[in-house]
């Protein structure tokens, strides 16, 4: 007997009626003891658990707010040091809600920047 290829099998399925396909599925379940509903849920559990293991290694530092107006100058100076921007550009960045300070940083470096800005009173988020 010649080996049945996937392509030939799919072409044969295309010519079958829904009733014939249902009978085929029932026959596969009976012959191999397979329940397709169990296969779907177990596969989704595997992908979910694998997704949990993946940890982001890059981060983006986002300045939500600069906090107290009295600390604004210190935050602007720190933004200048972090980004290398001029005073006016750093000021605009500090005054912009949800401003991206730096992106695609190593997670440790992003945490360090976040901690520096938070010590000055800013609200910072990492993405």
PDB file of N, CA and C in Angstrom:
ATOM      1  N   UNK A   1       0.844  -1.184   0.000  1.00  0.00           N
ATOM      2  CA  UNK A   1       0.000   0.000   0.000  1.00  0.00           C
ATOM      3  C   UNK A   1       0.886   1.244   0.000  1.00  0.00           C
ATOM      4  N   UNK A   2       0.564   2.207  -0.847  1.00  0.00           N
ATOM      5  CA  UNK A   2       1.332   3.447  -0.946  1.00  0.00           C
ATOM      6  C   UNK A   2       1.054   4.331   0.265  1.00  0.00           C
ATOM      7  N   UNK A   3       2.082   5.081   0.653  1.00  0.00           N
ATOM      8  CA  UNK A   3       1.940   5.972   1.808  1.00  0.00           C
ATOM      9  C   UNK A   3       1.023   7.139   1.444  1.00  0.00           C
ATOM     10  N   UNK A   4       0.101   7.447   2.349  1.00  0.00           N
ATOM     11  CA  UNK A   4      -0.841   8.543   2.152  1.00  0.00           C
ATOM     12  C   UNK A   4      -0.181   9.834   2.633  1.00  0.00           C
ATOM     13  N   UNK A   5       0.019  10.780   1.741  1.00  0.00           N
ATOM     14  CA  UNK A   5       0.647  12.046   2.130  1.00  0.00           C
ATOM     15  C   UNK A   5      -0.400  12.998   2.688  1.00  0.00           C
ATOM     16  N   UNK A   6       0.086  13.979   3.385  1.00  0.00           N
ATOM     17  CA  UNK A   6      -0.804  14.979   3.976  1.00  0.00           C
ATOM     18  C   UNK A   6      -1.604  15.695   2.887  1.00  0.00           C
ATOM     19  N   UNK A   7      -0.955  16.016   1.784  1.00  0.00           N
ATOM     20  CA  UNK A   7      -1.622  16.737   0.702  1.00  0.00           C
ATOM     21  C   UNK A   7      -2.755  15.909   0.094  1.00  0.00           C
ATOM     22  N   UNK A   8      -2.490  14.620  -0.125  1.00  0.00           N
ATOM     23  CA  UNK A   8      -3.508  13.731  -0.693  1.00  0.00           C
ATOM     24  C   UNK A   8      -4.672  13.594   0.283  1.00  0.00           C
ATOM     25  N   UNK A   9      -4.366  13.467   1.578  1.00  0.00           N
ATOM     26  CA  UNK A   9      -5.400  13.342   2.602  1.00  0.00           C
ATOM     27  C   UNK A   9      -6.278  14.593   2.634  1.00  0.00           C
ATOM     28  N   UNK A  10      -5.656  15.772   2.577  1.00  0.00           N
ATOM     29  CA  UNK A  10      -6.422  17.027   2.597  1.00  0.00           C
ATOM     30  C   UNK A  10      -7.307  17.136   1.363  1.00  0.00           C
ATOM     31  N   UNK A  11      -6.788  16.756   0.211  1.00  0.00           N
ATOM     32  CA  UNK A  11      -7.593  16.786  -1.014  1.00  0.00           C
ATOM     33  C   UNK A  11      -8.784  15.841  -0.899  1.00  0.00           C
ATOM     34  N   UNK A  12      -8.573  14.686  -0.277  1.00  0.00           N
ATOM     35  CA  UNK A  12      -9.674  13.732  -0.083  1.00  0.00           C
ATOM     36  C   UNK A  12     -10.718  14.319   0.856  1.00  0.00           C
ATOM     37  N   UNK A  13     -10.273  15.017   1.902  1.00  0.00           N
ATOM     38  CA  UNK A  13     -11.214  15.655   2.829  1.00  0.00           C
ATOM     39  C   UNK A  13     -12.074  16.697   2.121  1.00  0.00           C
ATOM     40  N   UNK A  14     -11.480  17.418   1.182  1.00  0.00           N
ATOM     41  CA  UNK A  14     -12.222  18.458   0.457  1.00  0.00           C
ATOM     42  C   UNK A  14     -13.404  17.878  -0.322  1.00  0.00           C
ATOM     43  N   UNK A  15     -13.259  16.639  -0.761  1.00  0.00           N
ATOM     44  CA  UNK A  15     -14.335  16.035  -1.560  1.00  0.00           C
ATOM     45  C   UNK A  15     -15.383  15.330  -0.695  1.00  0.00           C
ATOM     46  N   UNK A  16     -15.155  15.266   0.626  1.00  0.00           N
ATOM     47  CA  UNK A  16     -16.088  14.573   1.522  1.00  0.00           C
ATOM     48  C   UNK A  16     -17.194  15.509   1.998  1.00  0.00           C
ATOM     49  N   UNK A  17     -18.328  14.897   2.348  1.00  0.00           N
ATOM     50  CA  UNK A  17     -19.424  15.669   2.940  1.00  0.00           C
ATOM     51  C   UNK A  17     -19.144  15.831   4.433  1.00  0.00           C
ATOM     52  N   UNK A  18     -19.906  16.718   5.077  1.00  0.00           N
ATOM     53  CA  UNK A  18     -19.734  16.919   6.516  1.00  0.00           C
ATOM     54  C   UNK A  18     -20.033  15.648   7.298  1.00  0.00           C
ATOM     55  N   UNK A  19     -21.020  14.902   6.857  1.00  0.00           N
ATOM     56  CA  UNK A  19     -21.366  13.648   7.532  1.00  0.00           C
ATOM     57  C   UNK A  19     -20.207  12.656   7.439  1.00  0.00           C
ATOM     58  N   UNK A  20     -19.594  12.564   6.264  1.00  0.00           N
ATOM     59  CA  UNK A  20     -18.456  11.656   6.089  1.00  0.00           C
ATOM     60  C   UNK A  20     -17.266  12.087   6.955  1.00  0.00           C
ATOM     61  N   UNK A  21     -17.032  13.384   7.065  1.00  0.00           N
ATOM     62  CA  UNK A  21     -15.928  13.889   7.895  1.00  0.00           C
ATOM     63  C   UNK A  21     -16.198  13.600   9.366  1.00  0.00           C
ATOM     64  N   UNK A  22     -17.461  13.775   9.786  1.00  0.00           N
ATOM     65  CA  UNK A  22     -17.821  13.483  11.181  1.00  0.00           C
ATOM     66  C   UNK A  22     -17.590  12.007  11.485  1.00  0.00           C
ATOM     67  N   UNK A  23     -17.981  11.131  10.553  1.00  0.00           N
ATOM     68  CA  UNK A  23     -17.768   9.697  10.740  1.00  0.00           C
ATOM     69  C   UNK A  23     -16.271   9.375  10.800  1.00  0.00           C
ATOM     70  N   UNK A  24     -15.476  10.065   9.997  1.00  0.00           N
ATOM     71  CA  UNK A  24     -14.023   9.879  10.010  1.00  0.00           C
ATOM     72  C   UNK A  24     -13.437  10.276  11.367  1.00  0.00           C
ATOM     73  N   UNK A  25     -13.857  11.426  11.881  1.00  0.00           N
ATOM     74  CA  UNK A  25     -13.382  11.904  13.181  1.00  0.00           C
ATOM     75  C   UNK A  25     -13.786  10.931  14.281  1.00  0.00           C
ATOM     76  N   UNK A  26     -15.027  10.468  14.237  1.00  0.00           N
ATOM     77  CA  UNK A  26     -15.489   9.496  15.235  1.00  0.00           C
ATOM     78  C   UNK A  26     -14.668   8.205  15.159  1.00  0.00           C
ATOM     79  N   UNK A  27     -14.353   7.789  13.941  1.00  0.00           N
ATOM     80  CA  UNK A  27     -13.541   6.579  13.763  1.00  0.00           C
ATOM     81  C   UNK A  27     -12.130   6.762  14.314  1.00  0.00           C
ATOM     82  N   UNK A  28     -11.548   7.937  14.123  1.00  0.00           N
ATOM     83  CA  UNK A  28     -10.207   8.229  14.660  1.00  0.00           C
ATOM     84  C   UNK A  28     -10.238   8.227  16.183  1.00  0.00           C
ATOM     85  N   UNK A  29     -11.283   8.838  16.747  1.00  0.00           N
ATOM     86  CA  UNK A  29     -11.427   8.854  18.212  1.00  0.00           C
ATOM     87  C   UNK A  29     -11.475   7.433  18.753  1.00  0.00           C
ATOM     88  N   UNK A  30     -12.285   6.597  18.088  1.00  0.00           N
ATOM     89  CA  UNK A  30     -12.475   5.221  18.553  1.00  0.00           C
ATOM     90  C   UNK A  30     -11.207   4.392  18.368  1.00  0.00           C
ATOM     91  N   UNK A  31     -10.588   4.497  17.212  1.00  0.00           N
ATOM     92  CA  UNK A  31      -9.405   3.684  16.893  1.00  0.00           C
ATOM     93  C   UNK A  31      -8.207   4.026  17.777  1.00  0.00           C
ATOM     94  N   UNK A  32      -7.974   5.324  17.984  1.00  0.00           N
ATOM     95  CA  UNK A  32      -6.776   5.754  18.708  1.00  0.00           C
ATOM     96  C   UNK A  32      -7.049   6.219  20.137  1.00  0.00           C
ATOM     97  N   UNK A  33      -8.311   6.275  20.529  1.00  0.00           N
ATOM     98  CA  UNK A  33      -8.647   6.721  21.882  1.00  0.00           C
ATOM     99  C   UNK A  33      -8.286   8.178  22.117  1.00  0.00           C
ATOM    100  N   UNK A  34      -8.472   8.990  21.086  1.00  0.00           N
ATOM    101  CA  UNK A  34      -8.097  10.405  21.153  1.00  0.00           C
ATOM    102  C   UNK A  34      -9.337  11.264  21.318  1.00  0.00           C
ATOM    103  N   UNK A  35      -9.247  12.239  22.225  1.00  0.00           N
ATOM    104  CA  UNK A  35     -10.325  13.217  22.387  1.00  0.00           C
ATOM    105  C   UNK A  35      -9.752  14.582  22.002  1.00  0.00           C
ATOM    106  N   UNK A  36     -10.136  15.131  20.843  1.00  0.00           N
ATOM    107  CA  UNK A  36      -9.567  16.395  20.371  1.00  0.00           C
ATOM    108  C   UNK A  36      -9.732  17.556  21.352  1.00  0.00           C
ATOM    109  N   UNK A  37     -10.793  17.561  22.126  1.00  0.00           N
ATOM    110  CA  UNK A  37     -10.985  18.671  23.064  1.00  0.00           C
ATOM    111  C   UNK A  37      -9.895  18.673  24.131  1.00  0.00           C
ATOM    112  N   UNK A  38      -9.400  17.512  24.535  1.00  0.00           N
ATOM    113  CA  UNK A  38      -8.299  17.451  25.495  1.00  0.00           C
ATOM    114  C   UNK A  38      -6.997  17.939  24.879  1.00  0.00           C
ATOM    115  N   UNK A  39      -6.796  17.656  23.607  1.00  0.00           N
ATOM    116  CA  UNK A  39      -5.578  18.090  22.935  1.00  0.00           C
ATOM    117  C   UNK A  39      -5.499  19.604  22.855  1.00  0.00           C
ATOM    118  N   UNK A  40      -6.582  20.251  22.550  1.00  0.00           N
ATOM    119  CA  UNK A  40      -6.590  21.704  22.420  1.00  0.00           C
ATOM    120  C   UNK A  40      -6.279  22.364  23.747  1.00  0.00           C
ATOM    121  N   UNK A  41      -6.918  21.924  24.822  1.00  0.00           N
ATOM    122  CA  UNK A  41      -6.700  22.562  26.115  1.00  0.00           C
ATOM    123  C   UNK A  41      -5.304  22.289  26.645  1.00  0.00           C
ATOM    124  N   UNK A  42      -4.751  21.104  26.404  1.00  0.00           N
ATOM    125  CA  UNK A  42      -3.406  20.830  26.900  1.00  0.00           C
ATOM    126  C   UNK A  42      -2.376  21.634  26.124  1.00  0.00           C
ATOM    127  N   UNK A  43      -2.582  21.839  24.830  1.00  0.00           N
ATOM    128  CA  UNK A  43      -1.661  22.657  24.050  1.00  0.00           C
ATOM    129  C   UNK A  43      -1.690  24.100  24.497  1.00  0.00           C
ATOM    130  N   UNK A  44      -2.863  24.624  24.800  1.00  0.00           N
ATOM    131  CA  UNK A  44      -2.941  26.014  25.233  1.00  0.00           C
ATOM    132  C   UNK A  44      -2.294  26.184  26.595  1.00  0.00           C
ATOM    133  N   UNK A  45      -2.367  25.172  27.457  1.00  0.00           N
ATOM    134  CA  UNK A  45      -1.694  25.249  28.752  1.00  0.00           C
ATOM    135  C   UNK A  45      -0.186  25.288  28.583  1.00  0.00           C
ATOM    136  N   UNK A  46       0.328  24.527  27.621  1.00  0.00           N
ATOM    137  CA  UNK A  46       1.765  24.523  27.373  1.00  0.00           C
ATOM    138  C   UNK A  46       2.218  25.895  26.916  1.00  0.00           C
ATOM    139  N   UNK A  47       1.501  26.502  25.984  1.00  0.00           N
ATOM    140  CA  UNK A  47       1.910  27.814  25.495  1.00  0.00           C
ATOM    141  C   UNK A  47       1.787  28.870  26.580  1.00  0.00           C
ATOM    142  N   UNK A  48       0.776  28.758  27.462  1.00  0.00           N
ATOM    143  CA  UNK A  48       0.645  29.708  28.557  1.00  0.00           C
ATOM    144  C   UNK A  48       1.814  29.600  29.512  1.00  0.00           C
ATOM    145  N   UNK A  49       2.210  28.379  29.858  1.00  0.00           N
ATOM    146  CA  UNK A  49       3.305  28.222  30.808  1.00  0.00           C
ATOM    147  C   UNK A  49       4.618  28.665  30.189  1.00  0.00           C
ATOM    148  N   UNK A  50       4.787  28.470  28.890  1.00  0.00           N
ATOM    149  CA  UNK A  50       6.000  28.938  28.235  1.00  0.00           C
ATOM    150  C   UNK A  50       6.026  30.451  28.189  1.00  0.00           C
ATOM    151  N   UNK A  51       4.880  31.080  28.015  1.00  0.00           N
ATOM    152  CA  UNK A  51       4.802  32.533  27.983  1.00  0.00           C
ATOM    153  C   UNK A  51       5.182  33.147  29.308  1.00  0.00           C
ATOM    154  N   UNK A  52       4.868  32.456  30.403  1.00  0.00           N
ATOM    155  CA  UNK A  52       5.203  32.972  31.724  1.00  0.00           C
ATOM    156  C   UNK A  52       6.703  32.954  31.969  1.00  0.00           C
ATOM    157  N   UNK A  53       7.414  32.025  31.343  1.00  0.00           N
ATOM    158  CA  UNK A  53       8.846  31.900  31.553  1.00  0.00           C
ATOM    159  C   UNK A  53       9.626  32.978  30.814  1.00  0.00           C
ATOM    160  N   UNK A  54       9.038  33.545  29.768  1.00  0.00           N
ATOM    161  CA  UNK A  54       9.716  34.558  28.981  1.00  0.00           C
ATOM    162  C   UNK A  54       9.717  35.871  29.752  1.00  0.00           C
ATOM    163  N   UNK A  55      10.911  36.361  30.023  1.00  0.00           N
ATOM    164  CA  UNK A  55      11.031  37.614  30.751  1.00  0.00           C
ATOM    165  C   UNK A  55      11.656  38.647  29.828  1.00  0.00           C
ATOM    166  N   UNK A  56      11.104  39.847  29.858  1.00  0.00           N
ATOM    167  CA  UNK A  56      11.632  40.907  29.018  1.00  0.00           C
ATOM    168  C   UNK A  56      13.022  41.290  29.505  1.00  0.00           C
ATOM    169  N   UNK A  57      13.945  41.451  28.565  1.00  0.00           N
ATOM    170  CA  UNK A  57      15.295  41.862  28.926  1.00  0.00           C
ATOM    171  C   UNK A  57      15.520  43.329  28.598  1.00  0.00           C
ATOM    172  N   UNK A  58      14.653  43.904  27.809  1.00  0.00           N
ATOM    173  CA  UNK A  58      14.751  45.318  27.450  1.00  0.00           C
ATOM    174  C   UNK A  58      13.599  46.074  28.098  1.00  0.00           C
ATOM    175  N   UNK A  59      13.830  47.342  28.373  1.00  0.00           N
ATOM    176  CA  UNK A  59      12.790  48.146  29.007  1.00  0.00           C
ATOM    177  C   UNK A  59      12.842  49.575  28.483  1.00  0.00           C
ATOM    178  N   UNK A  60      11.707  50.251  28.601  1.00  0.00           N
ATOM    179  CA  UNK A  60      11.584  51.657  28.246  1.00  0.00           C
ATOM    180  C   UNK A  60      11.228  52.420  29.513  1.00  0.00           C
ATOM    181  N   UNK A  61      11.946  53.523  29.757  1.00  0.00           N
ATOM    182  CA  UNK A  61      11.696  54.349  30.937  1.00  0.00           C
ATOM    183  C   UNK A  61      10.718  55.446  30.547  1.00  0.00           C
ATOM    184  N   UNK A  62       9.585  55.504  31.252  1.00  0.00           N
ATOM    185  CA  UNK A  62       8.544  56.488  30.957  1.00  0.00           C
ATOM    186  C   UNK A  62       8.320  57.355  32.183  1.00  0.00           C
ATOM    187  N   UNK A  63       8.444  58.664  31.992  1.00  0.00           N
ATOM    188  CA  UNK A  63       8.182  59.627  33.063  1.00  0.00           C
ATOM    189  C   UNK A  63       6.700  59.955  33.033  1.00  0.00           C
ATOM    190  N   UNK A  64       5.978  59.515  34.060  1.00  0.00           N
ATOM    191  CA  UNK A  64       4.541  59.786  34.133  1.00  0.00           C
ATOM    192  C   UNK A  64       4.302  61.236  34.545  1.00  0.00           C
ATOM    193  N   UNK A  65       4.871  61.635  35.682  1.00  0.00           N
ATOM    194  CA  UNK A  65       4.781  63.025  36.151  1.00  0.00           C
ATOM    195  C   UNK A  65       6.074  63.368  36.874  1.00  0.00           C
ATOM    196  N   UNK A  66       6.375  64.673  36.956  1.00  0.00           N
ATOM    197  CA  UNK A  66       7.588  65.070  37.668  1.00  0.00           C
ATOM    198  C   UNK A  66       7.324  65.330  39.138  1.00  0.00           C
ATOM    199  N   UNK A  67       6.071  65.217  39.558  1.00  0.00           N
ATOM    200  CA  UNK A  67       5.746  65.345  40.980  1.00  0.00           C
ATOM    201  C   UNK A  67       5.733  66.781  41.459  1.00  0.00           C
ATOM    202  N   UNK A  68       6.355  67.012  42.599  1.00  0.00           N
ATOM    203  CA  UNK A  68       6.380  68.318  43.255  1.00  0.00           C
ATOM    204  C   UNK A  68       7.101  69.347  42.382  1.00  0.00           C
ATOM    205  N   UNK A  69       6.481  70.519  42.209  1.00  0.00           N
ATOM    206  CA  UNK A  69       7.065  71.583  41.377  1.00  0.00           C
ATOM    207  C   UNK A  69       8.418  72.038  41.909  1.00  0.00           C
ATOM    208  N   UNK A  70       8.635  71.926  43.210  1.00  0.00           N
ATOM    209  CA  UNK A  70       9.908  72.331  43.802  1.00  0.00           C
ATOM    210  C   UNK A  70      11.065  71.441  43.384  1.00  0.00           C
ATOM    211  N   UNK A  71      10.768  70.227  42.957  1.00  0.00           N
ATOM    212  CA  UNK A  71      11.818  69.285  42.556  1.00  0.00           C
ATOM    213  C   UNK A  71      11.961  69.194  41.040  1.00  0.00           C
ATOM    214  N   UNK A  72      11.217  70.003  40.337  1.00  0.00           N
ATOM    215  CA  UNK A  72      11.203  69.959  38.877  1.00  0.00           C
ATOM    216  C   UNK A  72      12.588  70.222  38.296  1.00  0.00           C
ATOM    217  N   UNK A  73      13.302  71.194  38.843  1.00  0.00           N
ATOM    218  CA  UNK A  73      14.624  71.546  38.311  1.00  0.00           C
ATOM    219  C   UNK A  73      15.592  70.374  38.465  1.00  0.00           C
ATOM    220  N   UNK A  74      15.560  69.729  39.620  1.00  0.00           N
ATOM    221  CA  UNK A  74      16.444  68.582  39.841  1.00  0.00           C
ATOM    222  C   UNK A  74      16.117  67.449  38.871  1.00  0.00           C
ATOM    223  N   UNK A  75      14.838  67.250  38.601  1.00  0.00           N
ATOM    224  CA  UNK A  75      14.427  66.195  37.666  1.00  0.00           C
ATOM    225  C   UNK A  75      14.871  66.545  36.251  1.00  0.00           C
ATOM    226  N   UNK A  76      14.735  67.805  35.874  1.00  0.00           N
ATOM    227  CA  UNK A  76      15.184  68.240  34.543  1.00  0.00           C
ATOM    228  C   UNK A  76      16.687  68.017  34.397  1.00  0.00           C
ATOM    229  N   UNK A  77      17.457  68.357  35.431  1.00  0.00           N
ATOM    230  CA  UNK A  77      18.913  68.135  35.392  1.00  0.00           C
ATOM    231  C   UNK A  77      19.233  66.652  35.226  1.00  0.00           C
ATOM    232  N   UNK A  78      18.507  65.812  35.935  1.00  0.00           N
ATOM    233  CA  UNK A  78      18.740  64.364  35.833  1.00  0.00           C
ATOM    234  C   UNK A  78      18.374  63.860  34.441  1.00  0.00           C
ATOM    235  N   UNK A  79      17.285  64.359  33.875  1.00  0.00           N
ATOM    236  CA  UNK A  79      16.892  63.975  32.512  1.00  0.00           C
ATOM    237  C   UNK A  79      17.968  64.393  31.519  1.00  0.00           C
ATOM    238  N   UNK A  80      18.531  65.577  31.710  1.00  0.00           N
ATOM    239  CA  UNK A  80      19.627  66.046  30.837  1.00  0.00           C
ATOM    240  C   UNK A  80      20.807  65.089  30.910  1.00  0.00           C
ATOM    241  N   UNK A  81      21.147  64.685  32.127  1.00  0.00           N
ATOM    242  CA  UNK A  81      22.281  63.781  32.315  1.00  0.00           C
ATOM    243  C   UNK A  81      22.009  62.419  31.675  1.00  0.00           C
ATOM    244  N   UNK A  82      20.795  61.931  31.825  1.00  0.00           N
ATOM    245  CA  UNK A  82      20.425  60.613  31.290  1.00  0.00           C
ATOM    246  C   UNK A  82      20.387  60.622  29.763  1.00  0.00           C
ATOM    247  N   UNK A  83      19.778  61.663  29.201  1.00  0.00           N
ATOM    248  CA  UNK A  83      19.523  61.684  27.756  1.00  0.00           C
ATOM    249  C   UNK A  83      20.557  62.441  26.938  1.00  0.00           C
ATOM    250  N   UNK A  84      21.255  63.380  27.578  1.00  0.00           N
ATOM    251  CA  UNK A  84      22.189  64.217  26.836  1.00  0.00           C
ATOM    252  C   UNK A  84      21.497  65.364  26.118  1.00  0.00           C
ATOM    253  N   UNK A  85      20.242  65.623  26.453  1.00  0.00           N
ATOM    254  CA  UNK A  85      19.482  66.714  25.833  1.00  0.00           C
ATOM    255  C   UNK A  85      19.902  68.062  26.401  1.00  0.00           C
ATOM    256  N   UNK A  86      19.563  69.107  25.674  1.00  0.00           N
ATOM    257  CA  UNK A  86      19.762  70.464  26.166  1.00  0.00           C
ATOM    258  C   UNK A  86      18.711  70.798  27.212  1.00  0.00           C
ATOM    259  N   UNK A  87      18.890  71.937  27.868  1.00  0.00           N
ATOM    260  CA  UNK A  87      18.007  72.326  28.971  1.00  0.00           C
ATOM    261  C   UNK A  87      16.552  72.471  28.525  1.00  0.00           C
ATOM    262  N   UNK A  88      16.316  73.114  27.385  1.00  0.00           N
ATOM    263  CA  UNK A  88      14.938  73.324  26.924  1.00  0.00           C
ATOM    264  C   UNK A  88      14.255  72.013  26.529  1.00  0.00           C
ATOM    265  N   UNK A  89      15.008  71.150  25.842  1.00  0.00           N
ATOM    266  CA  UNK A  89      14.435  69.861  25.445  1.00  0.00           C
ATOM    267  C   UNK A  89      14.148  68.986  26.664  1.00  0.00           C
ATOM    268  N   UNK A  90      15.047  69.013  27.637  1.00  0.00           N
ATOM    269  CA  UNK A  90      14.837  68.243  28.866  1.00  0.00           C
ATOM    270  C   UNK A  90      13.627  68.776  29.628  1.00  0.00           C
ATOM    271  N   UNK A  91      13.449  70.102  29.633  1.00  0.00           N
ATOM    272  CA  UNK A  91      12.305  70.727  30.311  1.00  0.00           C
ATOM    273  C   UNK A  91      11.001  70.299  29.633  1.00  0.00           C
ATOM    274  N   UNK A  92      10.977  70.349  28.294  1.00  0.00           N
ATOM    275  CA  UNK A  92       9.783  69.926  27.551  1.00  0.00           C
ATOM    276  C   UNK A  92       9.456  68.457  27.828  1.00  0.00           C
ATOM    277  N   UNK A  93      10.501  67.643  27.881  1.00  0.00           N
ATOM    278  CA  UNK A  93      10.306  66.223  28.147  1.00  0.00           C
ATOM    279  C   UNK A  93       9.726  66.007  29.543  1.00  0.00           C
ATOM    280  N   UNK A  94      10.242  66.732  30.522  1.00  0.00           N
ATOM    281  CA  UNK A  94       9.765  66.602  31.902  1.00  0.00           C
ATOM    282  C   UNK A  94       8.313  67.046  32.034  1.00  0.00           C
ATOM    283  N   UNK A  95       7.916  68.024  31.252  1.00  0.00           N
ATOM    284  CA  UNK A  95       6.560  68.570  31.337  1.00  0.00           C
ATOM    285  C   UNK A  95       5.548  67.787  30.500  1.00  0.00           C
ATOM    286  N   UNK A  96       6.030  66.852  29.692  1.00  0.00           N
ATOM    287  CA  UNK A  96       5.148  66.052  28.846  1.00  0.00           C
ATOM    288  C   UNK A  96       4.694  64.810  29.610  1.00  0.00           C
ATOM    289  N   UNK A  97       3.375  64.642  29.786  1.00  0.00           N
ATOM    290  CA  UNK A  97       2.892  63.434  30.472  1.00  0.00           C
ATOM    291  C   UNK A  97       3.242  62.179  29.679  1.00  0.00           C
ATOM    292  N   UNK A  98       3.631  61.137  30.376  1.00  0.00           N
ATOM    293  CA  UNK A  98       3.980  59.847  29.766  1.00  0.00           C
ATOM    294  C   UNK A  98       5.111  59.965  28.749  1.00  0.00           C
ATOM    295  N   UNK A  99       6.099  60.790  29.072  1.00  0.00           N
ATOM    296  CA  UNK A  99       7.228  61.009  28.166  1.00  0.00           C
ATOM    297  C   UNK A  99       8.203  59.838  28.234  1.00  0.00           C
ATOM    298  N   UNK A 100       8.631  59.383  27.067  1.00  0.00           N
ATOM    299  CA  UNK A 100       9.636  58.324  26.999  1.00  0.00           C
ATOM    300  C   UNK A 100      11.002  58.969  27.205  1.00  0.00           C
ATOM    301  N   UNK A 101      11.656  58.595  28.304  1.00  0.00           N
ATOM    302  CA  UNK A 101      12.973  59.139  28.612  1.00  0.00           C
ATOM    303  C   UNK A 101      14.038  58.395  27.819  1.00  0.00           C
ATOM    304  N   UNK A 102      14.014  57.076  27.887  1.00  0.00           N
ATOM    305  CA  UNK A 102      14.938  56.237  27.114  1.00  0.00           C
ATOM    306  C   UNK A 102      14.243  54.922  26.819  1.00  0.00           C
ATOM    307  N   UNK A 103      14.548  54.344  25.657  1.00  0.00           N
ATOM    308  CA  UNK A 103      13.939  53.057  25.329  1.00  0.00           C
ATOM    309  C   UNK A 103      14.986  52.034  24.929  1.00  0.00           C
ATOM    310  N   UNK A 104      14.567  50.783  24.952  1.00  0.00           N
ATOM    311  CA  UNK A 104      15.415  49.633  24.603  1.00  0.00           C
ATOM    312  C   UNK A 104      16.681  49.560  25.449  1.00  0.00           C
ATOM    313  N   UNK A 105      16.514  49.783  26.754  1.00  0.00           N
ATOM    314  CA  UNK A 105      17.628  49.672  27.692  1.00  0.00           C
ATOM    315  C   UNK A 105      17.637  48.284  28.308  1.00  0.00           C
ATOM    316  N   UNK A 106      18.800  47.875  28.775  1.00  0.00           N
ATOM    317  CA  UNK A 106      18.853  46.661  29.578  1.00  0.00           C
ATOM    318  C   UNK A 106      18.015  46.907  30.818  1.00  0.00           C
ATOM    319  N   UNK A 107      17.367  45.862  31.300  1.00  0.00           N
ATOM    320  CA  UNK A 107      16.438  46.012  32.419  1.00  0.00           C
ATOM    321  C   UNK A 107      17.114  46.622  33.650  1.00  0.00           C
ATOM    322  N   UNK A 108      18.339  46.228  33.940  1.00  0.00           N
ATOM    323  CA  UNK A 108      19.051  46.744  35.118  1.00  0.00           C
ATOM    324  C   UNK A 108      19.309  48.244  34.989  1.00  0.00           C
ATOM    325  N   UNK A 109      19.709  48.677  33.799  1.00  0.00           N
ATOM    326  CA  UNK A 109      19.964  50.100  33.567  1.00  0.00           C
ATOM    327  C   UNK A 109      18.670  50.904  33.677  1.00  0.00           C
ATOM    328  N   UNK A 110      17.586  50.362  33.150  1.00  0.00           N
ATOM    329  CA  UNK A 110      16.289  51.039  33.234  1.00  0.00           C
ATOM    330  C   UNK A 110      15.841  51.165  34.689  1.00  0.00           C
ATOM    331  N   UNK A 111      16.052  50.124  35.480  1.00  0.00           N
ATOM    332  CA  UNK A 111      15.704  50.169  36.908  1.00  0.00           C
ATOM    333  C   UNK A 111      16.517  51.242  37.625  1.00  0.00           C
ATOM    334  N   UNK A 112      17.786  51.349  37.269  1.00  0.00           N
ATOM    335  CA  UNK A 112      18.668  52.349  37.881  1.00  0.00           C
ATOM    336  C   UNK A 112      18.168  53.767  37.590  1.00  0.00           C
ATOM    337  N   UNK A 113      17.802  54.027  36.341  1.00  0.00           N
ATOM    338  CA  UNK A 113      17.279  55.344  35.957  1.00  0.00           C
ATOM    339  C   UNK A 113      15.963  55.608  36.676  1.00  0.00           C
ATOM    340  N   UNK A 114      15.117  54.610  36.726  1.00  0.00           N
ATOM    341  CA  UNK A 114      13.828  54.747  37.416  1.00  0.00           C
ATOM    342  C   UNK A 114      14.045  55.123  38.875  1.00  0.00           C
ATOM    343  N   UNK A 115      14.959  54.429  39.541  1.00  0.00           N
ATOM    344  CA  UNK A 115      15.232  54.713  40.950  1.00  0.00           C
ATOM    345  C   UNK A 115      15.763  56.128  41.154  1.00  0.00           C
ATOM    346  N   UNK A 116      16.659  56.586  40.269  1.00  0.00           N
ATOM    347  CA  UNK A 116      17.205  57.949  40.376  1.00  0.00           C
ATOM    348  C   UNK A 116      16.086  58.981  40.294  1.00  0.00           C
ATOM    349  N   UNK A 117      15.211  58.817  39.306  1.00  0.00           N
ATOM    350  CA  UNK A 117      14.132  59.786  39.110  1.00  0.00           C
ATOM    351  C   UNK A 117      13.101  59.722  40.234  1.00  0.00           C
ATOM    352  N   UNK A 118      12.821  58.529  40.720  1.00  0.00           N
ATOM    353  CA  UNK A 118      11.849  58.401  41.811  1.00  0.00           C
ATOM    354  C   UNK A 118      12.378  59.009  43.107  1.00  0.00           C
ATOM    355  N   UNK A 119      13.688  58.925  43.333  1.00  0.00           N
ATOM    356  CA  UNK A 119      14.278  59.550  44.526  1.00  0.00           C
ATOM    357  C   UNK A 119      14.106  61.063  44.488  1.00  0.00           C
ATOM    358  N   UNK A 120      14.033  61.605  43.280  1.00  0.00           N
ATOM    359  CA  UNK A 120      13.837  63.049  43.124  1.00  0.00           C
ATOM    360  C   UNK A 120      12.361  63.435  43.194  1.00  0.00           C
ATOM    361  N   UNK A 121      11.468  62.456  43.264  1.00  0.00           N
ATOM    362  CA  UNK A 121      10.041  62.737  43.399  1.00  0.00           C
ATOM    363  C   UNK A 121       9.205  62.497  42.159  1.00  0.00           C
ATOM    364  N   UNK A 122       9.822  62.012  41.098  1.00  0.00           N
ATOM    365  CA  UNK A 122       9.083  61.758  39.858  1.00  0.00           C
ATOM    366  C   UNK A 122       8.332  60.430  39.946  1.00  0.00           C
ATOM    367  N   UNK A 123       7.289  60.322  39.137  1.00  0.00           N
ATOM    368  CA  UNK A 123       6.575  59.057  38.987  1.00  0.00           C
ATOM    369  C   UNK A 123       7.046  58.451  37.674  1.00  0.00           C
ATOM    370  N   UNK A 124       7.643  57.253  37.765  1.00  0.00           N
ATOM    371  CA  UNK A 124       8.266  56.629  36.602  1.00  0.00           C
ATOM    372  C   UNK A 124       7.719  55.216  36.439  1.00  0.00           C
ATOM    373  N   UNK A 125       7.608  54.802  35.188  1.00  0.00           N
ATOM    374  CA  UNK A 125       7.115  53.463  34.867  1.00  0.00           C
ATOM    375  C   UNK A 125       8.062  52.820  33.866  1.00  0.00           C
ATOM    376  N   UNK A 126       8.215  51.506  33.968  1.00  0.00           N
ATOM    377  CA  UNK A 126       9.006  50.761  32.988  1.00  0.00           C
ATOM    378  C   UNK A 126       8.073  49.913  32.141  1.00  0.00           C
ATOM    379  N   UNK A 127       8.322  49.885  30.862  1.00  0.00           N
ATOM    380  CA  UNK A 127       7.543  49.026  29.950  1.00  0.00           C
ATOM    381  C   UNK A 127       8.480  48.105  29.231  1.00  0.00           C
TER     382      UNK A 127
END
